[in-house]
């Protein structure tokens, strides 16, 4: 959808900036929207009958309660260090950026000196 910048017509009338549909785009968007609405209507169609309208019973009851087992693990875990020495991670060496040339085309100095 192209945007037309504000301008002044030849007779002096100012025109605000606006967007304009491309040729044929309005018809294509209408077809696309109609197709999308048809898909939504077919996808949301109800196929249940009056007898099936009641929701099924859930197979579990909430809240779920677990039996307390007697295991040797403490109830509150205490975080502990797994190593006793400092771990050093490899750091990549910093690389200096290559200088970029300030001139992007070749300069023929002999052509400049020939005019003197």
PDB file of N, CA and C in Angstrom:
ATOM      1  N   UNK A   1       0.857  -1.161   0.000  1.00  0.00           N
ATOM      2  CA  UNK A   1       0.000   0.000   0.000  1.00  0.00           C
ATOM      3  C   UNK A   1       0.907   1.228   0.000  1.00  0.00           C
ATOM      4  N   UNK A   2       1.022   1.908  -1.129  1.00  0.00           N
ATOM      5  CA  UNK A   2       1.920   3.062  -1.200  1.00  0.00           C
ATOM      6  C   UNK A   2       1.369   4.246  -0.424  1.00  0.00           C
ATOM      7  N   UNK A   3       2.302   5.075   0.075  1.00  0.00           N
ATOM      8  CA  UNK A   3       1.930   6.272   0.815  1.00  0.00           C
ATOM      9  C   UNK A   3       2.223   7.483  -0.062  1.00  0.00           C
ATOM     10  N   UNK A   4       1.238   8.350  -0.234  1.00  0.00           N
ATOM     11  CA  UNK A   4       1.384   9.557  -1.044  1.00  0.00           C
ATOM     12  C   UNK A   4       1.699  10.707  -0.087  1.00  0.00           C
ATOM     13  N   UNK A   5       2.825  11.361  -0.311  1.00  0.00           N
ATOM     14  CA  UNK A   5       3.222  12.478   0.554  1.00  0.00           C
ATOM     15  C   UNK A   5       2.320  13.689   0.301  1.00  0.00           C
ATOM     16  N   UNK A   6       2.259  14.604   1.287  1.00  0.00           N
ATOM     17  CA  UNK A   6       1.442  15.807   1.070  1.00  0.00           C
ATOM     18  C   UNK A   6       2.022  16.647  -0.079  1.00  0.00           C
ATOM     19  N   UNK A   7       1.135  17.251  -0.858  1.00  0.00           N
ATOM     20  CA  UNK A   7       1.571  18.081  -1.975  1.00  0.00           C
ATOM     21  C   UNK A   7       0.522  19.152  -2.241  1.00  0.00           C
ATOM     22  N   UNK A   8       0.863  20.056  -3.148  1.00  0.00           N
ATOM     23  CA  UNK A   8      -0.052  21.136  -3.528  1.00  0.00           C
ATOM     24  C   UNK A   8      -0.375  20.953  -5.004  1.00  0.00           C
ATOM     25  N   UNK A   9      -1.658  20.929  -5.330  1.00  0.00           N
ATOM     26  CA  UNK A   9      -2.085  20.773  -6.721  1.00  0.00           C
ATOM     27  C   UNK A   9      -1.765  22.029  -7.522  1.00  0.00           C
ATOM     28  N   UNK A  10      -1.875  21.915  -8.832  1.00  0.00           N
ATOM     29  CA  UNK A  10      -1.534  23.046  -9.700  1.00  0.00           C
ATOM     30  C   UNK A  10      -2.484  24.234  -9.505  1.00  0.00           C
ATOM     31  N   UNK A  11      -3.697  23.962  -9.002  1.00  0.00           N
ATOM     32  CA  UNK A  11      -4.623  25.068  -8.764  1.00  0.00           C
ATOM     33  C   UNK A  11      -4.459  25.661  -7.365  1.00  0.00           C
ATOM     34  N   UNK A  12      -3.475  25.185  -6.591  1.00  0.00           N
ATOM     35  CA  UNK A  12      -3.192  25.738  -5.267  1.00  0.00           C
ATOM     36  C   UNK A  12      -3.853  25.005  -4.117  1.00  0.00           C
ATOM     37  N   UNK A  13      -4.576  23.929  -4.370  1.00  0.00           N
ATOM     38  CA  UNK A  13      -5.259  23.170  -3.324  1.00  0.00           C
ATOM     39  C   UNK A  13      -4.248  22.263  -2.615  1.00  0.00           C
ATOM     40  N   UNK A  14      -4.108  22.408  -1.290  1.00  0.00           N
ATOM     41  CA  UNK A  14      -3.186  21.509  -0.574  1.00  0.00           C
ATOM     42  C   UNK A  14      -3.822  20.128  -0.376  1.00  0.00           C
ATOM     43  N   UNK A  15      -3.021  19.076  -0.527  1.00  0.00           N
ATOM     44  CA  UNK A  15      -3.492  17.706  -0.355  1.00  0.00           C
ATOM     45  C   UNK A  15      -2.697  17.078   0.781  1.00  0.00           C
ATOM     46  N   UNK A  16      -3.412  16.517   1.775  1.00  0.00           N
ATOM     47  CA  UNK A  16      -2.746  15.854   2.895  1.00  0.00           C
ATOM     48  C   UNK A  16      -2.138  14.538   2.440  1.00  0.00           C
ATOM     49  N   UNK A  17      -1.139  14.059   3.199  1.00  0.00           N
ATOM     50  CA  UNK A  17      -0.560  12.754   2.909  1.00  0.00           C
ATOM     51  C   UNK A  17      -1.564  11.649   3.193  1.00  0.00           C
ATOM     52  N   UNK A  18      -1.587  10.646   2.349  1.00  0.00           N
ATOM     53  CA  UNK A  18      -2.547   9.547   2.512  1.00  0.00           C
ATOM     54  C   UNK A  18      -1.974   8.289   1.889  1.00  0.00           C
ATOM     55  N   UNK A  19      -2.595   7.169   2.235  1.00  0.00           N
ATOM     56  CA  UNK A  19      -2.183   5.904   1.632  1.00  0.00           C
ATOM     57  C   UNK A  19      -3.207   5.519   0.573  1.00  0.00           C
ATOM     58  N   UNK A  20      -2.740   4.802  -0.436  1.00  0.00           N
ATOM     59  CA  UNK A  20      -3.608   4.439  -1.541  1.00  0.00           C
ATOM     60  C   UNK A  20      -3.396   2.960  -1.833  1.00  0.00           C
ATOM     61  N   UNK A  21      -4.486   2.236  -2.092  1.00  0.00           N
ATOM     62  CA  UNK A  21      -4.402   0.822  -2.447  1.00  0.00           C
ATOM     63  C   UNK A  21      -3.815   0.690  -3.833  1.00  0.00           C
ATOM     64  N   UNK A  22      -3.013  -0.327  -4.030  1.00  0.00           N
ATOM     65  CA  UNK A  22      -2.489  -0.622  -5.354  1.00  0.00           C
ATOM     66  C   UNK A  22      -3.629  -1.144  -6.229  1.00  0.00           C
ATOM     67  N   UNK A  23      -3.519  -1.033  -7.556  1.00  0.00           N
ATOM     68  CA  UNK A  23      -4.597  -1.525  -8.431  1.00  0.00           C
ATOM     69  C   UNK A  23      -4.836  -3.018  -8.229  1.00  0.00           C
ATOM     70  N   UNK A  24      -6.080  -3.413  -7.969  1.00  0.00           N
ATOM     71  CA  UNK A  24      -6.450  -4.809  -7.776  1.00  0.00           C
ATOM     72  C   UNK A  24      -6.273  -5.311  -6.356  1.00  0.00           C
ATOM     73  N   UNK A  25      -5.649  -4.541  -5.484  1.00  0.00           N
ATOM     74  CA  UNK A  25      -5.383  -5.010  -4.125  1.00  0.00           C
ATOM     75  C   UNK A  25      -6.654  -5.092  -3.287  1.00  0.00           C
ATOM     76  N   UNK A  26      -7.584  -4.200  -3.516  1.00  0.00           N
ATOM     77  CA  UNK A  26      -8.828  -4.203  -2.736  1.00  0.00           C
ATOM     78  C   UNK A  26      -9.633  -5.470  -3.025  1.00  0.00           C
ATOM     79  N   UNK A  27      -9.688  -5.885  -4.278  1.00  0.00           N
ATOM     80  CA  UNK A  27     -10.410  -7.117  -4.642  1.00  0.00           C
ATOM     81  C   UNK A  27      -9.720  -8.335  -4.032  1.00  0.00           C
ATOM     82  N   UNK A  28      -8.385  -8.376  -4.113  1.00  0.00           N
ATOM     83  CA  UNK A  28      -7.655  -9.509  -3.547  1.00  0.00           C
ATOM     84  C   UNK A  28      -7.823  -9.589  -2.027  1.00  0.00           C
ATOM     85  N   UNK A  29      -7.811  -8.442  -1.348  1.00  0.00           N
ATOM     86  CA  UNK A  29      -8.000  -8.431   0.103  1.00  0.00           C
ATOM     87  C   UNK A  29      -9.410  -8.874   0.467  1.00  0.00           C
ATOM     88  N   UNK A  30     -10.403  -8.512  -0.330  1.00  0.00           N
ATOM     89  CA  UNK A  30     -11.780  -8.941  -0.074  1.00  0.00           C
ATOM     90  C   UNK A  30     -11.898 -10.452  -0.205  1.00  0.00           C
ATOM     91  N   UNK A  31     -11.285 -11.025  -1.244  1.00  0.00           N
ATOM     92  CA  UNK A  31     -11.327 -12.484  -1.425  1.00  0.00           C
ATOM     93  C   UNK A  31     -10.619 -13.177  -0.268  1.00  0.00           C
ATOM     94  N   UNK A  32      -9.458 -12.648   0.140  1.00  0.00           N
ATOM     95  CA  UNK A  32      -8.712 -13.238   1.255  1.00  0.00           C
ATOM     96  C   UNK A  32      -9.514 -13.174   2.558  1.00  0.00           C
ATOM     97  N   UNK A  33     -10.172 -12.044   2.815  1.00  0.00           N
ATOM     98  CA  UNK A  33     -10.966 -11.905   4.042  1.00  0.00           C
ATOM     99  C   UNK A  33     -12.161 -12.848   4.027  1.00  0.00           C
ATOM    100  N   UNK A  34     -12.820 -12.989   2.880  1.00  0.00           N
ATOM    101  CA  UNK A  34     -13.963 -13.903   2.781  1.00  0.00           C
ATOM    102  C   UNK A  34     -13.512 -15.344   3.007  1.00  0.00           C
ATOM    103  N   UNK A  35     -12.374 -15.713   2.451  1.00  0.00           N
ATOM    104  CA  UNK A  35     -11.839 -17.061   2.661  1.00  0.00           C
ATOM    105  C   UNK A  35     -11.506 -17.284   4.139  1.00  0.00           C
ATOM    106  N   UNK A  36     -10.901 -16.292   4.789  1.00  0.00           N
ATOM    107  CA  UNK A  36     -10.575 -16.415   6.214  1.00  0.00           C
ATOM    108  C   UNK A  36     -11.813 -16.554   7.081  1.00  0.00           C
ATOM    109  N   UNK A  37     -12.845 -15.778   6.781  1.00  0.00           N
ATOM    110  CA  UNK A  37     -14.097 -15.890   7.547  1.00  0.00           C
ATOM    111  C   UNK A  37     -14.748 -17.248   7.328  1.00  0.00           C
ATOM    112  N   UNK A  38     -14.677 -17.789   6.110  1.00  0.00           N
ATOM    113  CA  UNK A  38     -15.251 -19.111   5.852  1.00  0.00           C
ATOM    114  C   UNK A  38     -14.503 -20.179   6.633  1.00  0.00           C
ATOM    115  N   UNK A  39     -13.189 -20.080   6.697  1.00  0.00           N
ATOM    116  CA  UNK A  39     -12.403 -21.052   7.468  1.00  0.00           C
ATOM    117  C   UNK A  39     -12.751 -20.957   8.948  1.00  0.00           C
ATOM    118  N   UNK A  40     -12.890 -19.748   9.476  1.00  0.00           N
ATOM    119  CA  UNK A  40     -13.274 -19.586  10.883  1.00  0.00           C
ATOM    120  C   UNK A  40     -14.667 -20.143  11.151  1.00  0.00           C
ATOM    121  N   UNK A  41     -15.599 -19.915  10.246  1.00  0.00           N
ATOM    122  CA  UNK A  41     -16.977 -20.395  10.441  1.00  0.00           C
ATOM    123  C   UNK A  41     -17.025 -21.915  10.407  1.00  0.00           C
ATOM    124  N   UNK A  42     -16.290 -22.525   9.476  1.00  0.00           N
ATOM    125  CA  UNK A  42     -16.290 -23.987   9.390  1.00  0.00           C
ATOM    126  C   UNK A  42     -15.546 -24.604  10.571  1.00  0.00           C
ATOM    127  N   UNK A  43     -14.452 -23.966  10.982  1.00  0.00           N
ATOM    128  CA  UNK A  43     -13.657 -24.497  12.090  1.00  0.00           C
ATOM    129  C   UNK A  43     -14.353 -24.404  13.428  1.00  0.00           C
ATOM    130  N   UNK A  44     -15.225 -23.413  13.608  1.00  0.00           N
ATOM    131  CA  UNK A  44     -15.911 -23.235  14.887  1.00  0.00           C
ATOM    132  C   UNK A  44     -17.314 -23.833  14.889  1.00  0.00           C
ATOM    133  N   UNK A  45     -17.664 -24.578  13.865  1.00  0.00           N
ATOM    134  CA  UNK A  45     -18.994 -25.185  13.816  1.00  0.00           C
ATOM    135  C   UNK A  45     -19.122 -26.222  14.927  1.00  0.00           C
ATOM    136  N   UNK A  46     -20.244 -26.215  15.588  1.00  0.00           N
ATOM    137  CA  UNK A  46     -20.484 -27.148  16.690  1.00  0.00           C
ATOM    138  C   UNK A  46     -21.007 -28.467  16.135  1.00  0.00           C
ATOM    139  N   UNK A  47     -20.372 -29.587  16.542  1.00  0.00           N
ATOM    140  CA  UNK A  47     -20.806 -30.911  16.074  1.00  0.00           C
ATOM    141  C   UNK A  47     -21.387 -31.740  17.210  1.00  0.00           C
ATOM    142  N   UNK A  48     -21.615 -31.147  18.381  1.00  0.00           N
ATOM    143  CA  UNK A  48     -22.160 -31.902  19.515  1.00  0.00           C
ATOM    144  C   UNK A  48     -23.677 -31.842  19.509  1.00  0.00           C
ATOM    145  N   UNK A  49     -24.293 -32.824  20.152  1.00  0.00           N
ATOM    146  CA  UNK A  49     -25.756 -32.858  20.277  1.00  0.00           C
ATOM    147  C   UNK A  49     -26.134 -32.454  21.694  1.00  0.00           C
ATOM    148  N   UNK A  50     -27.398 -32.441  21.995  1.00  0.00           N
ATOM    149  CA  UNK A  50     -27.883 -32.058  23.321  1.00  0.00           C
ATOM    150  C   UNK A  50     -27.339 -32.983  24.408  1.00  0.00           C
ATOM    151  N   UNK A  51     -27.256 -34.293  24.131  1.00  0.00           N
ATOM    152  CA  UNK A  51     -26.788 -35.252  25.137  1.00  0.00           C
ATOM    153  C   UNK A  51     -25.291 -35.107  25.381  1.00  0.00           C
ATOM    154  N   UNK A  52     -24.539 -34.704  24.379  1.00  0.00           N
ATOM    155  CA  UNK A  52     -23.095 -34.576  24.518  1.00  0.00           C
ATOM    156  C   UNK A  52     -22.665 -33.231  25.092  1.00  0.00           C
ATOM    157  N   UNK A  53     -23.584 -32.340  25.375  1.00  0.00           N
ATOM    158  CA  UNK A  53     -23.218 -30.993  25.788  1.00  0.00           C
ATOM    159  C   UNK A  53     -22.693 -30.930  27.225  1.00  0.00           C
ATOM    160  N   UNK A  54     -22.909 -31.959  28.052  1.00  0.00           N
ATOM    161  CA  UNK A  54     -22.386 -31.933  29.416  1.00  0.00           C
ATOM    162  C   UNK A  54     -20.905 -32.274  29.383  1.00  0.00           C
ATOM    163  N   UNK A  55     -20.085 -31.527  30.122  1.00  0.00           N
ATOM    164  CA  UNK A  55     -18.645 -31.794  30.096  1.00  0.00           C
ATOM    165  C   UNK A  55     -18.324 -33.107  30.805  1.00  0.00           C
ATOM    166  N   UNK A  56     -17.304 -33.826  30.371  1.00  0.00           N
ATOM    167  CA  UNK A  56     -16.943 -35.089  31.025  1.00  0.00           C
ATOM    168  C   UNK A  56     -16.328 -34.840  32.395  1.00  0.00           C
ATOM    169  N   UNK A  57     -16.387 -35.837  33.247  1.00  0.00           N
ATOM    170  CA  UNK A  57     -15.798 -35.736  34.581  1.00  0.00           C
ATOM    171  C   UNK A  57     -14.280 -35.777  34.466  1.00  0.00           C
ATOM    172  N   UNK A  58     -13.569 -34.967  35.222  1.00  0.00           N
ATOM    173  CA  UNK A  58     -12.104 -35.029  35.167  1.00  0.00           C
ATOM    174  C   UNK A  58     -11.615 -36.332  35.804  1.00  0.00           C
ATOM    175  N   UNK A  59     -10.574 -36.965  35.261  1.00  0.00           N
ATOM    176  CA  UNK A  59     -10.096 -38.241  35.790  1.00  0.00           C
ATOM    177  C   UNK A  59      -9.333 -38.108  37.111  1.00  0.00           C
ATOM    178  N   UNK A  60      -8.955 -36.902  37.503  1.00  0.00           N
ATOM    179  CA  UNK A  60      -8.217 -36.718  38.769  1.00  0.00           C
ATOM    180  C   UNK A  60      -8.921 -35.687  39.611  1.00  0.00           C
ATOM    181  N   UNK A  61      -8.629 -35.689  40.888  1.00  0.00           N
ATOM    182  CA  UNK A  61      -9.176 -34.692  41.793  1.00  0.00           C
ATOM    183  C   UNK A  61      -8.041 -33.789  42.260  1.00  0.00           C
ATOM    184  N   UNK A  62      -8.334 -32.534  42.314  1.00  0.00           N
ATOM    185  CA  UNK A  62      -7.335 -31.549  42.711  1.00  0.00           C
ATOM    186  C   UNK A  62      -7.678 -31.023  44.076  1.00  0.00           C
ATOM    187  N   UNK A  63      -6.762 -30.634  44.912  1.00  0.00           N
ATOM    188  CA  UNK A  63      -5.314 -30.627  44.740  1.00  0.00           C
ATOM    189  C   UNK A  63      -4.742 -32.043  44.888  1.00  0.00           C
ATOM    190  N   UNK A  64      -3.653 -32.291  44.204  1.00  0.00           N
ATOM    191  CA  UNK A  64      -2.996 -33.596  44.266  1.00  0.00           C
ATOM    192  C   UNK A  64      -2.129 -33.634  45.513  1.00  0.00           C
ATOM    193  N   UNK A  65      -2.343 -34.632  46.339  1.00  0.00           N
ATOM    194  CA  UNK A  65      -1.571 -34.787  47.577  1.00  0.00           C
ATOM    195  C   UNK A  65      -0.667 -35.996  47.443  1.00  0.00           C
ATOM    196  N   UNK A  66       0.603 -35.837  47.786  1.00  0.00           N
ATOM    197  CA  UNK A  66       1.558 -36.926  47.724  1.00  0.00           C
ATOM    198  C   UNK A  66       1.768 -37.489  49.118  1.00  0.00           C
ATOM    199  N   UNK A  67       1.932 -38.803  49.182  1.00  0.00           N
ATOM    200  CA  UNK A  67       2.204 -39.434  50.468  1.00  0.00           C
ATOM    201  C   UNK A  67       3.635 -39.113  50.863  1.00  0.00           C
ATOM    202  N   UNK A  68       3.832 -38.871  52.159  1.00  0.00           N
ATOM    203  CA  UNK A  68       5.176 -38.570  52.644  1.00  0.00           C
ATOM    204  C   UNK A  68       5.954 -39.866  52.739  1.00  0.00           C
ATOM    205  N   UNK A  69       7.054 -39.914  52.019  1.00  0.00           N
ATOM    206  CA  UNK A  69       7.892 -41.119  52.077  1.00  0.00           C
ATOM    207  C   UNK A  69       9.059 -40.860  53.015  1.00  0.00           C
ATOM    208  N   UNK A  70       9.607 -41.909  53.532  1.00  0.00           N
ATOM    209  CA  UNK A  70      10.744 -41.788  54.450  1.00  0.00           C
ATOM    210  C   UNK A  70      12.015 -42.074  53.660  1.00  0.00           C
ATOM    211  N   UNK A  71      12.621 -41.060  53.132  1.00  0.00           N
ATOM    212  CA  UNK A  71      13.898 -41.239  52.456  1.00  0.00           C
ATOM    213  C   UNK A  71      14.962 -40.429  53.189  1.00  0.00           C
ATOM    214  N   UNK A  72      16.214 -40.673  52.873  1.00  0.00           N
ATOM    215  CA  UNK A  72      17.303 -40.057  53.617  1.00  0.00           C
ATOM    216  C   UNK A  72      17.596 -38.627  53.164  1.00  0.00           C
ATOM    217  N   UNK A  73      16.982 -38.146  52.107  1.00  0.00           N
ATOM    218  CA  UNK A  73      17.257 -36.787  51.634  1.00  0.00           C
ATOM    219  C   UNK A  73      16.603 -35.776  52.564  1.00  0.00           C
ATOM    220  N   UNK A  74      17.319 -34.705  52.880  1.00  0.00           N
ATOM    221  CA  UNK A  74      16.703 -33.683  53.741  1.00  0.00           C
ATOM    222  C   UNK A  74      15.599 -32.948  52.981  1.00  0.00           C
ATOM    223  N   UNK A  75      14.663 -32.382  53.717  1.00  0.00           N
ATOM    224  CA  UNK A  75      13.536 -31.713  53.085  1.00  0.00           C
ATOM    225  C   UNK A  75      13.950 -30.402  52.428  1.00  0.00           C
ATOM    226  N   UNK A  76      14.931 -29.721  52.985  1.00  0.00           N
ATOM    227  CA  UNK A  76      15.413 -28.488  52.370  1.00  0.00           C
ATOM    228  C   UNK A  76      16.824 -28.731  51.854  1.00  0.00           C
ATOM    229  N   UNK A  77      17.004 -28.576  50.568  1.00  0.00           N
ATOM    230  CA  UNK A  77      18.310 -28.794  49.963  1.00  0.00           C
ATOM    231  C   UNK A  77      19.172 -27.556  50.169  1.00  0.00           C
ATOM    232  N   UNK A  78      20.431 -27.784  50.556  1.00  0.00           N
ATOM    233  CA  UNK A  78      21.371 -26.699  50.769  1.00  0.00           C
ATOM    234  C   UNK A  78      22.346 -26.704  49.591  1.00  0.00           C
ATOM    235  N   UNK A  79      22.451 -25.609  48.839  1.00  0.00           N
ATOM    236  CA  UNK A  79      23.391 -25.608  47.725  1.00  0.00           C
ATOM    237  C   UNK A  79      24.832 -25.626  48.225  1.00  0.00           C
ATOM    238  N   UNK A  80      25.630 -26.459  47.595  1.00  0.00           N
ATOM    239  CA  UNK A  80      27.037 -26.571  47.977  1.00  0.00           C
ATOM    240  C   UNK A  80      27.892 -26.500  46.725  1.00  0.00           C
ATOM    241  N   UNK A  81      29.086 -25.993  46.891  1.00  0.00           N
ATOM    242  CA  UNK A  81      30.016 -25.891  45.787  1.00  0.00           C
ATOM    243  C   UNK A  81      30.480 -27.282  45.388  1.00  0.00           C
ATOM    244  N   UNK A  82      30.633 -27.512  44.076  1.00  0.00           N
ATOM    245  CA  UNK A  82      31.084 -28.824  43.621  1.00  0.00           C
ATOM    246  C   UNK A  82      32.583 -28.881  43.414  1.00  0.00           C
ATOM    247  N   UNK A  83      33.245 -27.730  43.351  1.00  0.00           N
ATOM    248  CA  UNK A  83      34.705 -27.697  43.205  1.00  0.00           C
ATOM    249  C   UNK A  83      35.292 -26.779  44.255  1.00  0.00           C
ATOM    250  N   UNK A  84      36.545 -27.022  44.618  1.00  0.00           N
ATOM    251  CA  UNK A  84      37.187 -26.195  45.640  1.00  0.00           C
ATOM    252  C   UNK A  84      38.264 -25.305  45.033  1.00  0.00           C
ATOM    253  N   UNK A  85      38.373 -25.222  43.721  1.00  0.00           N
ATOM    254  CA  UNK A  85      39.381 -24.392  43.063  1.00  0.00           C
ATOM    255  C   UNK A  85      38.661 -23.451  42.100  1.00  0.00           C
ATOM    256  N   UNK A  86      39.267 -22.313  41.779  1.00  0.00           N
ATOM    257  CA  UNK A  86      38.600 -21.399  40.864  1.00  0.00           C
ATOM    258  C   UNK A  86      38.611 -21.944  39.438  1.00  0.00           C
ATOM    259  N   UNK A  87      37.520 -21.806  38.758  1.00  0.00           N
ATOM    260  CA  UNK A  87      37.397 -22.270  37.384  1.00  0.00           C
ATOM    261  C   UNK A  87      37.680 -21.094  36.458  1.00  0.00           C
ATOM    262  N   UNK A  88      38.667 -21.263  35.540  1.00  0.00           N
ATOM    263  CA  UNK A  88      39.014 -20.200  34.605  1.00  0.00           C
ATOM    264  C   UNK A  88      38.414 -20.549  33.250  1.00  0.00           C
ATOM    265  N   UNK A  89      37.724 -19.595  32.665  1.00  0.00           N
ATOM    266  CA  UNK A  89      37.127 -19.786  31.359  1.00  0.00           C
ATOM    267  C   UNK A  89      37.992 -19.099  30.325  1.00  0.00           C
ATOM    268  N   UNK A  90      38.109 -19.720  29.148  1.00  0.00           N
ATOM    269  CA  UNK A  90      38.897 -19.137  28.070  1.00  0.00           C
ATOM    270  C   UNK A  90      38.188 -17.902  27.537  1.00  0.00           C
ATOM    271  N   UNK A  91      38.931 -16.819  27.451  1.00  0.00           N
ATOM    272  CA  UNK A  91      38.395 -15.585  26.891  1.00  0.00           C
ATOM    273  C   UNK A  91      39.080 -15.351  25.558  1.00  0.00           C
ATOM    274  N   UNK A  92      38.329 -15.102  24.497  1.00  0.00           N
ATOM    275  CA  UNK A  92      38.979 -14.836  23.211  1.00  0.00           C
ATOM    276  C   UNK A  92      39.736 -13.515  23.265  1.00  0.00           C
ATOM    277  N   UNK A  93      40.866 -13.470  22.577  1.00  0.00           N
ATOM    278  CA  UNK A  93      41.671 -12.255  22.550  1.00  0.00           C
ATOM    279  C   UNK A  93      40.931 -11.186  21.750  1.00  0.00           C
ATOM    280  N   UNK A  94      41.030  -9.964  22.221  1.00  0.00           N
ATOM    281  CA  UNK A  94      40.380  -8.866  21.525  1.00  0.00           C
ATOM    282  C   UNK A  94      41.145  -8.565  20.245  1.00  0.00           C
ATOM    283  N   UNK A  95      40.432  -8.477  19.140  1.00  0.00           N
ATOM    284  CA  UNK A  95      41.055  -8.187  17.865  1.00  0.00           C
ATOM    285  C   UNK A  95      40.736  -6.755  17.478  1.00  0.00           C
ATOM    286  N   UNK A  96      41.751  -6.064  17.012  1.00  0.00           N
ATOM    287  CA  UNK A  96      41.545  -4.692  16.600  1.00  0.00           C
ATOM    288  C   UNK A  96      40.880  -4.684  15.230  1.00  0.00           C
ATOM    289  N   UNK A  97      39.999  -3.750  15.045  1.00  0.00           N
ATOM    290  CA  UNK A  97      39.294  -3.648  13.782  1.00  0.00           C
ATOM    291  C   UNK A  97      40.251  -3.147  12.709  1.00  0.00           C
ATOM    292  N   UNK A  98      40.135  -3.707  11.526  1.00  0.00           N
ATOM    293  CA  UNK A  98      40.978  -3.280  10.418  1.00  0.00           C
ATOM    294  C   UNK A  98      40.551  -1.881   9.992  1.00  0.00           C
ATOM    295  N   UNK A  99      41.521  -1.006   9.690  1.00  0.00           N
ATOM    296  CA  UNK A  99      41.138   0.354   9.276  1.00  0.00           C
ATOM    297  C   UNK A  99      40.446   0.313   7.916  1.00  0.00           C
ATOM    298  N   UNK A 100      39.440   1.135   7.779  1.00  0.00           N
ATOM    299  CA  UNK A 100      38.714   1.193   6.521  1.00  0.00           C
ATOM    300  C   UNK A 100      39.274   2.342   5.687  1.00  0.00           C
ATOM    301  N   UNK A 101      39.454   2.138   4.408  1.00  0.00           N
ATOM    302  CA  UNK A 101      40.004   3.217   3.585  1.00  0.00           C
ATOM    303  C   UNK A 101      38.997   4.358   3.465  1.00  0.00           C
ATOM    304  N   UNK A 102      39.510   5.582   3.415  1.00  0.00           N
ATOM    305  CA  UNK A 102      38.621   6.731   3.302  1.00  0.00           C
ATOM    306  C   UNK A 102      38.255   7.017   1.855  1.00  0.00           C
ATOM    307  N   UNK A 103      38.982   6.412   0.900  1.00  0.00           N
ATOM    308  CA  UNK A 103      38.697   6.588  -0.513  1.00  0.00           C
ATOM    309  C   UNK A 103      38.278   5.236  -1.067  1.00  0.00           C
ATOM    310  N   UNK A 104      37.160   5.192  -1.762  1.00  0.00           N
ATOM    311  CA  UNK A 104      36.664   3.918  -2.246  1.00  0.00           C
ATOM    312  C   UNK A 104      36.924   3.708  -3.732  1.00  0.00           C
ATOM    313  N   UNK A 105      37.655   4.585  -4.384  1.00  0.00           N
ATOM    314  CA  UNK A 105      37.946   4.429  -5.798  1.00  0.00           C
ATOM    315  C   UNK A 105      39.433   4.722  -6.018  1.00  0.00           C
ATOM    316  N   UNK A 106      40.050   4.170  -7.038  1.00  0.00           N
ATOM    317  CA  UNK A 106      41.471   4.472  -7.263  1.00  0.00           C
ATOM    318  C   UNK A 106      41.655   5.894  -7.807  1.00  0.00           C
ATOM    319  N   UNK A 107      42.664   6.562  -7.301  1.00  0.00           N
ATOM    320  CA  UNK A 107      42.981   7.910  -7.751  1.00  0.00           C
ATOM    321  C   UNK A 107      44.220   7.830  -8.634  1.00  0.00           C
ATOM    322  N   UNK A 108      44.125   8.343  -9.850  1.00  0.00           N
ATOM    323  CA  UNK A 108      45.245   8.356 -10.768  1.00  0.00           C
ATOM    324  C   UNK A 108      45.970   9.684 -10.618  1.00  0.00           C
ATOM    325  N   UNK A 109      47.079   9.691  -9.870  1.00  0.00           N
ATOM    326  CA  UNK A 109      47.797  10.928  -9.611  1.00  0.00           C
ATOM    327  C   UNK A 109      48.513  11.442 -10.850  1.00  0.00           C
ATOM    328  N   UNK A 110      48.863  10.554 -11.791  1.00  0.00           N
ATOM    329  CA  UNK A 110      49.542  11.006 -12.989  1.00  0.00           C
ATOM    330  C   UNK A 110      48.628  11.869 -13.855  1.00  0.00           C
ATOM    331  N   UNK A 111      47.351  11.613 -13.825  1.00  0.00           N
ATOM    332  CA  UNK A 111      46.419  12.438 -14.594  1.00  0.00           C
ATOM    333  C   UNK A 111      46.304  13.834 -14.000  1.00  0.00           C
ATOM    334  N   UNK A 112      46.444  13.944 -12.695  1.00  0.00           N
ATOM    335  CA  UNK A 112      46.362  15.268 -12.044  1.00  0.00           C
ATOM    336  C   UNK A 112      47.617  16.084 -12.305  1.00  0.00           C
ATOM    337  N   UNK A 113      48.777  15.424 -12.332  1.00  0.00           N
ATOM    338  CA  UNK A 113      50.041  16.139 -12.502  1.00  0.00           C
ATOM    339  C   UNK A 113      50.249  16.567 -13.942  1.00  0.00           C
ATOM    340  N   UNK A 114      49.600  15.935 -14.895  1.00  0.00           N
ATOM    341  CA  UNK A 114      49.797  16.258 -16.304  1.00  0.00           C
ATOM    342  C   UNK A 114      49.203  17.590 -16.701  1.00  0.00           C
ATOM    343  N   UNK A 115      48.296  18.159 -15.924  1.00  0.00           N
ATOM    344  CA  UNK A 115      47.644  19.409 -16.302  1.00  0.00           C
ATOM    345  C   UNK A 115      48.483  20.626 -15.963  1.00  0.00           C
ATOM    346  N   UNK A 116      49.517  20.502 -15.213  1.00  0.00           N
ATOM    347  CA  UNK A 116      50.313  21.666 -14.795  1.00  0.00           C
ATOM    348  C   UNK A 116      51.160  22.199 -15.858  1.00  0.00           C
TER     349      UNK A 116
END
